[in-house]
Amino acid sequence: MSHVDENILEAATRISRPMFRICLTTIFLFGLIAGAAAQSAPAPARPAKSATSSKQLAAADAGPCGIGLISVVGNRFGVQQVGFTMFGNEYAPVAIDGWGLDDIVMSRVRAAAGGKSVRRLAYSPPAWARTGESGSPMLRRNPERQEFVQQSAAGTKCQLYVLIERFQNGFSNTNQSVEGFGIVKWGNPIKRRTFLFALTYITVYDGQSFEVIKKAAASTNDEPMMSRLIGINPISGPNKELDETAFPASANEVAGNQALRDGVRTLLTTSLDKTLAQLLRQ
């Protein structure tokens, strides 16, 4: 290597060493700045808890009892046919434990309670079986129901007690009736109609005297009276006409039928919302 080449190499070395140190310093400072920025960045905000969380509802229900709820709507669904003659009448009860109808009743009472705490009260099924046979809840006085509510409410000291039960109504101008929750096919081989229904009755009792304050059949208030009178709608109460194909081929299909489940739950929810708002209004 010539003397000139050595001089050039030595000069390049003297220049590159400071530049290398500058590069290292720049990289180090950049790393410090990035780390500080990452530490100072605000953590993602947690979503605010719902104002009506389950803990808040539990706390409210743990206080003084505003409304004691006795829901005896049960878990029975009727698959029914009303024929042109008595020989065409059929009825098959089906258990629908998984449909959560008592839970809907609880949620709708709580929604209509106007801030009052609501407690679901346990009851004796045999006692209710005897009470349910004592007559219609529409009777002006029904001491059997009053006694049943008083026994179920023992020790709770609520301001009001609400009894919600299945309700029975006559079907059109026949000698047949529909009760509670179910589906009914009606007619003759030429013309058949199918209806889904959810019939319940609500009675409100005073928390001290256990006298009836208000009562009414749950209603959607959307049924023209004339349609009932002339037989267009054979059911008085929350119902919906369905296509004939909606009628189950077998009662065993009912419990898992999502369309029937959702239809009953909707009828029950709508009718309770419209009726409870009036009965629980002070």
C-alpha atoms as a PDB file:
ATOM      1  CA  MET A   1       0.000   0.000   0.000  1.00  0.00           C
ATOM      2  CA  SER A   2       1.354   3.418  -0.951  1.00  0.00           C
ATOM      3  CA  HIS A   3       2.042   6.221   1.473  1.00  0.00           C
ATOM      4  CA  VAL A   4      -0.869   8.185   0.035  1.00  0.00           C
ATOM      5  CA  ASP A   5      -3.325   5.307   0.650  1.00  0.00           C
ATOM      6  CA  GLU A   6      -2.190   4.989   4.254  1.00  0.00           C
ATOM      7  CA  ASN A   7      -2.828   8.685   4.838  1.00  0.00           C
ATOM      8  CA  ILE A   8      -6.361   8.415   3.405  1.00  0.00           C
ATOM      9  CA  LEU A   9      -7.171   5.346   5.565  1.00  0.00           C
ATOM     10  CA  GLU A  10      -5.903   7.068   8.706  1.00  0.00           C
ATOM     11  CA  ALA A  11      -8.010  10.140   7.959  1.00  0.00           C
ATOM     12  CA  ALA A  12     -11.137   8.069   7.381  1.00  0.00           C
ATOM     13  CA  THR A  13     -10.586   6.240  10.675  1.00  0.00           C
ATOM     14  CA  ARG A  14     -10.263   9.522  12.569  1.00  0.00           C
ATOM     15  CA  ILE A  15     -13.543  10.702  11.042  1.00  0.00           C
ATOM     16  CA  SER A  16     -15.554   7.452  11.492  1.00  0.00           C
ATOM     17  CA  ARG A  17     -14.835   7.015  15.224  1.00  0.00           C
ATOM     18  CA  PRO A  18     -16.641  10.202  16.332  1.00  0.00           C
ATOM     19  CA  MET A  19     -19.516   9.488  13.952  1.00  0.00           C
ATOM     20  CA  PHE A  20     -19.910   6.008  15.443  1.00  0.00           C
ATOM     21  CA  ARG A  21     -20.023   7.415  18.960  1.00  0.00           C
ATOM     22  CA  ILE A  22     -22.641   9.961  17.827  1.00  0.00           C
ATOM     23  CA  CYS A  23     -24.800   7.193  16.350  1.00  0.00           C
ATOM     24  CA  LEU A  24     -24.604   5.140  19.555  1.00  0.00           C
ATOM     25  CA  THR A  25     -25.544   8.177  21.641  1.00  0.00           C
ATOM     26  CA  THR A  26     -28.504   8.964  19.383  1.00  0.00           C
ATOM     27  CA  ILE A  27     -29.833   5.411  19.579  1.00  0.00           C
ATOM     28  CA  PHE A  28     -29.465   5.375  23.367  1.00  0.00           C
ATOM     29  CA  LEU A  29     -31.332   8.694  23.780  1.00  0.00           C
ATOM     30  CA  PHE A  30     -34.114   7.552  21.444  1.00  0.00           C
ATOM     31  CA  GLY A  31     -34.582   4.415  23.555  1.00  0.00           C
ATOM     32  CA  LEU A  32     -34.899   6.498  26.735  1.00  0.00           C
ATOM     33  CA  ILE A  33     -37.483   8.802  25.168  1.00  0.00           C
ATOM     34  CA  ALA A  34     -39.594   5.904  23.833  1.00  0.00           C
ATOM     35  CA  GLY A  35     -39.560   4.140  27.198  1.00  0.00           C
ATOM     36  CA  ALA A  36     -40.627   7.282  29.043  1.00  0.00           C
ATOM     37  CA  ALA A  37     -43.472   7.844  26.585  1.00  0.00           C
ATOM     38  CA  ALA A  38     -44.696   4.283  27.041  1.00  0.00           C
ATOM     39  CA  GLN A  39     -44.679   4.652  30.829  1.00  0.00           C
ATOM     40  CA  SER A  40     -46.496   7.993  30.758  1.00  0.00           C
ATOM     41  CA  ALA A  41     -49.261   6.827  28.345  1.00  0.00           C
ATOM     42  CA  PRO A  42     -52.591   6.584  30.176  1.00  0.00           C
ATOM     43  CA  ALA A  43     -54.000   3.102  30.773  1.00  0.00           C
ATOM     44  CA  PRO A  44     -57.159   2.211  28.785  1.00  0.00           C
ATOM     45  CA  ALA A  45     -60.259   3.372  30.638  1.00  0.00           C
ATOM     46  CA  ARG A  46     -62.360   0.622  32.121  1.00  0.00           C
ATOM     47  CA  PRO A  47     -66.004   0.588  31.045  1.00  0.00           C
ATOM     48  CA  ALA A  48     -68.318   2.156  33.594  1.00  0.00           C
ATOM     49  CA  LYS A  49     -70.446  -0.263  35.532  1.00  0.00           C
ATOM     50  CA  SER A  50     -74.147  -0.315  34.787  1.00  0.00           C
ATOM     51  CA  ALA A  51     -76.249   1.803  37.112  1.00  0.00           C
ATOM     52  CA  THR A  52     -78.534  -1.179  37.629  1.00  0.00           C
ATOM     53  CA  SER A  53     -75.907  -3.824  38.334  1.00  0.00           C
ATOM     54  CA  SER A  54     -76.813  -7.071  39.988  1.00  0.00           C
ATOM     55  CA  LYS A  55     -74.998  -5.967  43.179  1.00  0.00           C
ATOM     56  CA  GLN A  56     -77.068  -2.798  43.394  1.00  0.00           C
ATOM     57  CA  LEU A  57     -80.293  -4.727  42.838  1.00  0.00           C
ATOM     58  CA  ALA A  58     -79.279  -7.232  45.494  1.00  0.00           C
ATOM     59  CA  ALA A  59     -78.499  -4.402  47.919  1.00  0.00           C
ATOM     60  CA  ALA A  60     -81.874  -2.772  47.267  1.00  0.00           C
ATOM     61  CA  ASP A  61     -83.727  -6.045  47.738  1.00  0.00           C
ATOM     62  CA  ALA A  62     -81.855  -6.650  51.004  1.00  0.00           C
ATOM     63  CA  GLY A  63     -83.395  -3.526  52.568  1.00  0.00           C
ATOM     64  CA  PRO A  64     -86.981  -2.970  53.726  1.00  0.00           C
ATOM     65  CA  CYS A  65     -89.377  -5.014  51.617  1.00  0.00           C
ATOM     66  CA  GLY A  66     -91.486  -2.887  49.300  1.00  0.00           C
ATOM     67  CA  ILE A  67     -93.199  -5.667  47.341  1.00  0.00           C
ATOM     68  CA  GLY A  68     -93.383  -9.339  48.130  1.00  0.00           C
ATOM     69  CA  LEU A  69     -93.957 -11.311  44.928  1.00  0.00           C
ATOM     70  CA  ILE A  70     -95.653 -14.699  44.852  1.00  0.00           C
ATOM     71  CA  SER A  71     -95.427 -16.002  41.292  1.00  0.00           C
ATOM     72  CA  VAL A  72     -97.332 -19.229  40.749  1.00  0.00           C
ATOM     73  CA  VAL A  73     -97.484 -19.116  36.934  1.00  0.00           C
ATOM     74  CA  GLY A  74     -95.647 -22.426  36.932  1.00  0.00           C
ATOM     75  CA  ASN A  75     -94.089 -24.383  34.118  1.00  0.00           C
ATOM     76  CA  ARG A  76     -97.043 -25.890  32.237  1.00  0.00           C
ATOM     77  CA  PHE A  77     -97.897 -25.360  28.564  1.00  0.00           C
ATOM     78  CA  GLY A  78    -101.059 -26.740  26.988  1.00  0.00           C
ATOM     79  CA  VAL A  79    -101.262 -28.221  23.497  1.00  0.00           C
ATOM     80  CA  GLN A  80    -104.954 -28.073  22.711  1.00  0.00           C
ATOM     81  CA  GLN A  81    -107.421 -28.703  19.915  1.00  0.00           C
ATOM     82  CA  VAL A  82    -110.994 -27.476  19.885  1.00  0.00           C
ATOM     83  CA  GLY A  83    -112.956 -29.377  17.292  1.00  0.00           C
ATOM     84  CA  PHE A  84    -116.173 -28.821  15.442  1.00  0.00           C
ATOM     85  CA  THR A  85    -117.728 -31.418  17.749  1.00  0.00           C
ATOM     86  CA  MET A  86    -116.784 -32.665  21.203  1.00  0.00           C
ATOM     87  CA  PHE A  87    -114.965 -35.607  19.641  1.00  0.00           C
ATOM     88  CA  GLY A  88    -112.362 -33.243  18.216  1.00  0.00           C
ATOM     89  CA  ASN A  89    -111.363 -31.780  21.588  1.00  0.00           C
ATOM     90  CA  GLU A  90    -107.889 -32.700  22.836  1.00  0.00           C
ATOM     91  CA  TYR A  91    -105.528 -31.391  25.506  1.00  0.00           C
ATOM     92  CA  ALA A  92    -101.968 -32.364  26.433  1.00  0.00           C
ATOM     93  CA  PRO A  93     -99.958 -30.598  29.184  1.00  0.00           C
ATOM     94  CA  VAL A  94     -96.214 -30.137  28.659  1.00  0.00           C
ATOM     95  CA  ALA A  95     -93.529 -29.190  31.198  1.00  0.00           C
ATOM     96  CA  ILE A  96     -91.562 -26.096  30.142  1.00  0.00           C
ATOM     97  CA  ASP A  97     -89.110 -25.719  33.033  1.00  0.00           C
ATOM     98  CA  GLY A  98     -86.445 -24.100  30.853  1.00  0.00           C
ATOM     99  CA  TRP A  99     -88.586 -21.206  29.598  1.00  0.00           C
ATOM    100  CA  GLY A 100     -87.976 -19.024  32.660  1.00  0.00           C
ATOM    101  CA  LEU A 101     -91.486 -17.621  32.970  1.00  0.00           C
ATOM    102  CA  ASP A 102     -91.229 -16.979  36.727  1.00  0.00           C
ATOM    103  CA  ASP A 103     -88.016 -15.048  36.068  1.00  0.00           C
ATOM    104  CA  ILE A 104     -89.859 -12.847  33.571  1.00  0.00           C
ATOM    105  CA  VAL A 105     -92.574 -12.193  36.143  1.00  0.00           C
ATOM    106  CA  MET A 106     -89.931 -11.124  38.679  1.00  0.00           C
ATOM    107  CA  SER A 107     -88.179  -8.804  36.215  1.00  0.00           C
ATOM    108  CA  ARG A 108     -91.422  -7.118  35.102  1.00  0.00           C
ATOM    109  CA  VAL A 109     -92.620  -6.546  38.685  1.00  0.00           C
ATOM    110  CA  ARG A 110     -89.241  -5.064  39.527  1.00  0.00           C
ATOM    111  CA  ALA A 111     -89.430  -2.805  36.455  1.00  0.00           C
ATOM    112  CA  ALA A 112     -92.873  -1.545  37.484  1.00  0.00           C
ATOM    113  CA  ALA A 113     -92.060  -1.198  41.190  1.00  0.00           C
ATOM    114  CA  GLY A 114     -91.023   2.457  40.978  1.00  0.00           C
ATOM    115  CA  GLY A 115     -87.852   1.976  43.003  1.00  0.00           C
ATOM    116  CA  LYS A 116     -89.379  -0.255  45.683  1.00  0.00           C
ATOM    117  CA  SER A 117     -87.443  -3.365  46.595  1.00  0.00           C
ATOM    118  CA  VAL A 118     -88.980  -6.600  45.337  1.00  0.00           C
ATOM    119  CA  ARG A 119     -88.574 -10.008  46.949  1.00  0.00           C
ATOM    120  CA  ARG A 120     -89.731 -13.268  45.454  1.00  0.00           C
ATOM    121  CA  LEU A 121     -91.390 -15.323  48.162  1.00  0.00           C
ATOM    122  CA  ALA A 122     -91.346 -19.078  48.409  1.00  0.00           C
ATOM    123  CA  TYR A 123     -94.671 -20.864  48.694  1.00  0.00           C
ATOM    124  CA  SER A 124     -96.044 -24.326  49.293  1.00  0.00           C
ATOM    125  CA  PRO A 125     -97.062 -25.994  45.985  1.00  0.00           C
ATOM    126  CA  PRO A 126     -99.614 -28.275  47.726  1.00  0.00           C
ATOM    127  CA  ALA A 127    -101.135 -25.233  49.452  1.00  0.00           C
ATOM    128  CA  TRP A 128    -101.399 -23.437  46.113  1.00  0.00           C
ATOM    129  CA  ALA A 129    -102.930 -26.511  44.457  1.00  0.00           C
ATOM    130  CA  ARG A 130    -105.729 -26.403  47.019  1.00  0.00           C
ATOM    131  CA  THR A 131    -106.072 -22.601  46.742  1.00  0.00           C
ATOM    132  CA  GLY A 132    -106.154 -22.624  42.946  1.00  0.00           C
ATOM    133  CA  GLU A 133    -109.220 -24.843  43.025  1.00  0.00           C
ATOM    134  CA  SER A 134    -111.130 -22.464  45.295  1.00  0.00           C
ATOM    135  CA  GLY A 135    -112.578 -20.410  42.461  1.00  0.00           C
ATOM    136  CA  SER A 136    -111.736 -17.654  40.021  1.00  0.00           C
ATOM    137  CA  PRO A 137    -109.410 -14.830  41.133  1.00  0.00           C
ATOM    138  CA  MET A 138    -112.034 -12.467  39.722  1.00  0.00           C
ATOM    139  CA  LEU A 139    -114.355 -13.174  42.663  1.00  0.00           C
ATOM    140  CA  ARG A 140    -114.964 -10.078  44.789  1.00  0.00           C
ATOM    141  CA  ARG A 141    -113.870 -11.953  47.886  1.00  0.00           C
ATOM    142  CA  ASN A 142    -111.617 -14.988  47.904  1.00  0.00           C
ATOM    143  CA  PRO A 143    -110.597 -15.879  51.474  1.00  0.00           C
ATOM    144  CA  GLU A 144    -108.628 -18.946  50.326  1.00  0.00           C
ATOM    145  CA  ARG A 145    -106.274 -16.835  48.217  1.00  0.00           C
ATOM    146  CA  GLN A 146    -105.988 -14.233  50.944  1.00  0.00           C
ATOM    147  CA  GLU A 147    -105.013 -16.921  53.455  1.00  0.00           C
ATOM    148  CA  PHE A 148    -102.517 -18.436  51.003  1.00  0.00           C
ATOM    149  CA  VAL A 149    -100.807 -15.066  50.489  1.00  0.00           C
ATOM    150  CA  GLN A 150    -100.738 -14.399  54.232  1.00  0.00           C
ATOM    151  CA  GLN A 151     -99.145 -17.777  54.947  1.00  0.00           C
ATOM    152  CA  SER A 152     -96.577 -17.336  52.145  1.00  0.00           C
ATOM    153  CA  ALA A 153     -95.709 -13.865  53.452  1.00  0.00           C
ATOM    154  CA  ALA A 154     -95.106 -14.939  57.054  1.00  0.00           C
ATOM    155  CA  GLY A 155     -92.266 -12.931  58.612  1.00  0.00           C
ATOM    156  CA  THR A 156     -91.510 -10.763  55.561  1.00  0.00           C
ATOM    157  CA  LYS A 157     -93.312  -7.491  56.467  1.00  0.00           C
ATOM    158  CA  CYS A 158     -93.604  -6.070  52.937  1.00  0.00           C
ATOM    159  CA  GLN A 159     -95.632  -2.968  52.094  1.00  0.00           C
ATOM    160  CA  LEU A 160     -97.516  -4.811  49.355  1.00  0.00           C
ATOM    161  CA  TYR A 161     -97.909  -8.390  48.186  1.00  0.00           C
ATOM    162  CA  VAL A 162     -98.469  -9.318  44.553  1.00  0.00           C
ATOM    163  CA  LEU A 163     -99.881 -12.681  43.525  1.00  0.00           C
ATOM    164  CA  ILE A 164     -99.523 -13.569  39.833  1.00  0.00           C
ATOM    165  CA  GLU A 165    -101.139 -16.763  38.600  1.00  0.00           C
ATOM    166  CA  ARG A 166    -102.345 -18.478  35.433  1.00  0.00           C
ATOM    167  CA  PHE A 167    -105.795 -17.397  34.323  1.00  0.00           C
ATOM    168  CA  GLN A 168    -108.584 -19.367  32.662  1.00  0.00           C
ATOM    169  CA  ASN A 169    -110.959 -17.951  30.070  1.00  0.00           C
ATOM    170  CA  GLY A 170    -113.718 -19.289  27.877  1.00  0.00           C
ATOM    171  CA  PHE A 171    -112.891 -20.089  24.284  1.00  0.00           C
ATOM    172  CA  SER A 172    -115.141 -18.379  21.752  1.00  0.00           C
ATOM    173  CA  ASN A 173    -118.769 -19.528  22.008  1.00  0.00           C
ATOM    174  CA  THR A 174    -117.822 -23.134  22.786  1.00  0.00           C
ATOM    175  CA  ASN A 175    -117.958 -24.975  26.086  1.00  0.00           C
ATOM    176  CA  GLN A 176    -114.162 -25.193  26.076  1.00  0.00           C
ATOM    177  CA  SER A 177    -111.669 -22.936  27.872  1.00  0.00           C
ATOM    178  CA  VAL A 178    -108.003 -21.991  27.630  1.00  0.00           C
ATOM    179  CA  GLU A 179    -105.772 -21.496  30.643  1.00  0.00           C
ATOM    180  CA  GLY A 180    -102.319 -20.121  31.328  1.00  0.00           C
ATOM    181  CA  PHE A 181     -99.871 -20.683  28.496  1.00  0.00           C
ATOM    182  CA  GLY A 182    -100.523 -22.755  25.429  1.00  0.00           C
ATOM    183  CA  ILE A 183    -101.358 -23.161  21.793  1.00  0.00           C
ATOM    184  CA  VAL A 184    -104.779 -24.083  20.457  1.00  0.00           C
ATOM    185  CA  LYS A 185    -105.964 -25.264  17.045  1.00  0.00           C
ATOM    186  CA  TRP A 186    -109.599 -24.500  16.335  1.00  0.00           C
ATOM    187  CA  GLY A 187    -111.991 -25.306  13.563  1.00  0.00           C
ATOM    188  CA  ASN A 188    -112.982 -28.021  11.164  1.00  0.00           C
ATOM    189  CA  PRO A 189    -111.212 -29.832   8.317  1.00  0.00           C
ATOM    190  CA  ILE A 190    -112.119 -27.006   5.925  1.00  0.00           C
ATOM    191  CA  LYS A 191    -111.038 -24.048   8.031  1.00  0.00           C
ATOM    192  CA  ARG A 192    -108.596 -24.190  10.949  1.00  0.00           C
ATOM    193  CA  ARG A 193    -107.016 -21.394  12.972  1.00  0.00           C
ATOM    194  CA  THR A 194    -104.136 -21.543  15.455  1.00  0.00           C
ATOM    195  CA  PHE A 195    -103.556 -19.240  18.447  1.00  0.00           C
ATOM    196  CA  LEU A 196    -100.732 -18.862  20.953  1.00  0.00           C
ATOM    197  CA  PHE A 197    -101.756 -17.387  24.308  1.00  0.00           C
ATOM    198  CA  ALA A 198    -100.370 -16.276  27.702  1.00  0.00           C
ATOM    199  CA  LEU A 199    -103.137 -15.634  30.249  1.00  0.00           C
ATOM    200  CA  THR A 200    -102.252 -14.431  33.757  1.00  0.00           C
ATOM    201  CA  TYR A 201    -104.041 -12.652  36.589  1.00  0.00           C
ATOM    202  CA  ILE A 202    -102.573 -10.134  39.024  1.00  0.00           C
ATOM    203  CA  THR A 203    -103.829  -9.378  42.548  1.00  0.00           C
ATOM    204  CA  VAL A 204    -102.279  -6.729  44.806  1.00  0.00           C
ATOM    205  CA  TYR A 205    -102.734  -7.090  48.584  1.00  0.00           C
ATOM    206  CA  ASP A 206    -102.136  -4.609  51.392  1.00  0.00           C
ATOM    207  CA  GLY A 207     -99.073  -5.571  53.424  1.00  0.00           C
ATOM    208  CA  GLN A 208    -100.775  -5.236  56.813  1.00  0.00           C
ATOM    209  CA  SER A 209    -104.428  -6.153  56.398  1.00  0.00           C
ATOM    210  CA  PHE A 210    -103.943  -8.466  53.383  1.00  0.00           C
ATOM    211  CA  GLU A 211    -107.066  -6.969  51.875  1.00  0.00           C
ATOM    212  CA  VAL A 212    -107.165  -6.767  48.076  1.00  0.00           C
ATOM    213  CA  ILE A 213    -106.175  -3.309  46.842  1.00  0.00           C
ATOM    214  CA  LYS A 214    -106.302  -3.839  43.083  1.00  0.00           C
ATOM    215  CA  LYS A 215    -106.592  -6.745  40.671  1.00  0.00           C
ATOM    216  CA  ALA A 216    -106.896  -7.377  36.949  1.00  0.00           C
ATOM    217  CA  ALA A 217    -106.237  -9.887  34.213  1.00  0.00           C
ATOM    218  CA  ALA A 218    -102.985  -9.054  32.440  1.00  0.00           C
ATOM    219  CA  SER A 219    -103.831  -7.487  29.109  1.00  0.00           C
ATOM    220  CA  THR A 220    -102.136  -5.993  26.080  1.00  0.00           C
ATOM    221  CA  ASN A 221    -105.081  -3.586  25.553  1.00  0.00           C
ATOM    222  CA  ASP A 222    -104.841  -4.030  21.795  1.00  0.00           C
ATOM    223  CA  GLU A 223    -107.831  -6.308  21.206  1.00  0.00           C
ATOM    224  CA  PRO A 224    -110.861  -4.589  19.683  1.00  0.00           C
ATOM    225  CA  MET A 225    -113.946  -5.503  21.694  1.00  0.00           C
ATOM    226  CA  MET A 226    -115.951  -6.076  18.520  1.00  0.00           C
ATOM    227  CA  SER A 227    -113.567  -8.802  17.331  1.00  0.00           C
ATOM    228  CA  ARG A 228    -114.264 -10.725  20.511  1.00  0.00           C
ATOM    229  CA  LEU A 229    -118.028 -10.221  20.327  1.00  0.00           C
ATOM    230  CA  ILE A 230    -118.406 -11.457  16.784  1.00  0.00           C
ATOM    231  CA  GLY A 231    -115.990 -14.355  17.234  1.00  0.00           C
ATOM    232  CA  ILE A 232    -113.098 -13.144  15.081  1.00  0.00           C
ATOM    233  CA  ASN A 233    -110.790 -13.542  18.068  1.00  0.00           C
ATOM    234  CA  PRO A 234    -111.895 -16.482  20.221  1.00  0.00           C
ATOM    235  CA  ILE A 235    -109.611 -15.679  23.174  1.00  0.00           C
ATOM    236  CA  SER A 236    -110.020 -12.818  25.621  1.00  0.00           C
ATOM    237  CA  GLY A 237    -106.517 -11.952  26.738  1.00  0.00           C
ATOM    238  CA  PRO A 238    -102.966 -11.823  25.366  1.00  0.00           C
ATOM    239  CA  ASN A 239    -102.820 -14.008  22.274  1.00  0.00           C
ATOM    240  CA  LYS A 240    -101.433 -14.126  18.765  1.00  0.00           C
ATOM    241  CA  GLU A 241    -102.746 -15.935  15.719  1.00  0.00           C
ATOM    242  CA  LEU A 242    -100.164 -18.167  14.063  1.00  0.00           C
ATOM    243  CA  ASP A 243     -99.920 -20.062  10.830  1.00  0.00           C
ATOM    244  CA  GLU A 244    -101.388 -23.546  11.096  1.00  0.00           C
ATOM    245  CA  THR A 245     -97.924 -25.027  10.524  1.00  0.00           C
ATOM    246  CA  ALA A 246     -96.829 -23.604  13.903  1.00  0.00           C
ATOM    247  CA  PHE A 247     -98.959 -26.166  15.720  1.00  0.00           C
ATOM    248  CA  PRO A 248     -96.605 -28.915  16.973  1.00  0.00           C
ATOM    249  CA  ALA A 249     -96.954 -32.333  15.429  1.00  0.00           C
ATOM    250  CA  SER A 250     -96.286 -33.827  18.872  1.00  0.00           C
ATOM    251  CA  ALA A 251     -96.435 -32.406  22.390  1.00  0.00           C
ATOM    252  CA  ASN A 252     -92.892 -33.700  22.886  1.00  0.00           C
ATOM    253  CA  GLU A 253     -91.630 -31.027  20.478  1.00  0.00           C
ATOM    254  CA  VAL A 254     -92.879 -28.095  22.568  1.00  0.00           C
ATOM    255  CA  ALA A 255     -90.173 -27.718  25.226  1.00  0.00           C
ATOM    256  CA  GLY A 256     -87.449 -27.247  22.620  1.00  0.00           C
ATOM    257  CA  ASN A 257     -89.510 -25.091  20.247  1.00  0.00           C
ATOM    258  CA  GLN A 258     -87.772 -21.702  20.231  1.00  0.00           C
ATOM    259  CA  ALA A 259     -90.563 -19.925  18.337  1.00  0.00           C
ATOM    260  CA  LEU A 260     -93.242 -20.969  20.827  1.00  0.00           C
ATOM    261  CA  ARG A 261     -90.978 -20.125  23.763  1.00  0.00           C
ATOM    262  CA  ASP A 262     -90.173 -16.645  22.440  1.00  0.00           C
ATOM    263  CA  GLY A 263     -93.800 -16.011  21.519  1.00  0.00           C
ATOM    264  CA  VAL A 264     -95.089 -16.847  25.007  1.00  0.00           C
ATOM    265  CA  ARG A 265     -92.335 -14.835  26.681  1.00  0.00           C
ATOM    266  CA  THR A 266     -93.164 -11.802  24.527  1.00  0.00           C
ATOM    267  CA  LEU A 267     -96.901 -12.018  25.249  1.00  0.00           C
ATOM    268  CA  LEU A 268     -96.218 -12.402  28.968  1.00  0.00           C
ATOM    269  CA  THR A 269     -93.760  -9.506  29.073  1.00  0.00           C
ATOM    270  CA  THR A 270     -95.969  -7.117  27.116  1.00  0.00           C
ATOM    271  CA  SER A 271     -99.117  -7.869  29.094  1.00  0.00           C
ATOM    272  CA  LEU A 272     -97.395  -7.602  32.485  1.00  0.00           C
ATOM    273  CA  ASP A 273     -95.714  -4.324  31.574  1.00  0.00           C
ATOM    274  CA  LYS A 274     -99.001  -2.722  30.549  1.00  0.00           C
ATOM    275  CA  THR A 275    -101.021  -4.034  33.493  1.00  0.00           C
ATOM    276  CA  LEU A 276     -98.552  -3.812  36.378  1.00  0.00           C
ATOM    277  CA  ALA A 277     -97.873  -0.152  35.637  1.00  0.00           C
ATOM    278  CA  GLN A 278    -101.517   0.595  36.431  1.00  0.00           C
ATOM    279  CA  LEU A 279    -101.941  -1.736  39.396  1.00  0.00           C
ATOM    280  CA  LEU A 280     -98.782  -0.614  41.232  1.00  0.00           C
ATOM    281  CA  ARG A 281     -99.329   3.091  40.624  1.00  0.00           C
ATOM    282  CA  GLN A 282     -99.928   4.878  43.937  1.00  0.00           C
END
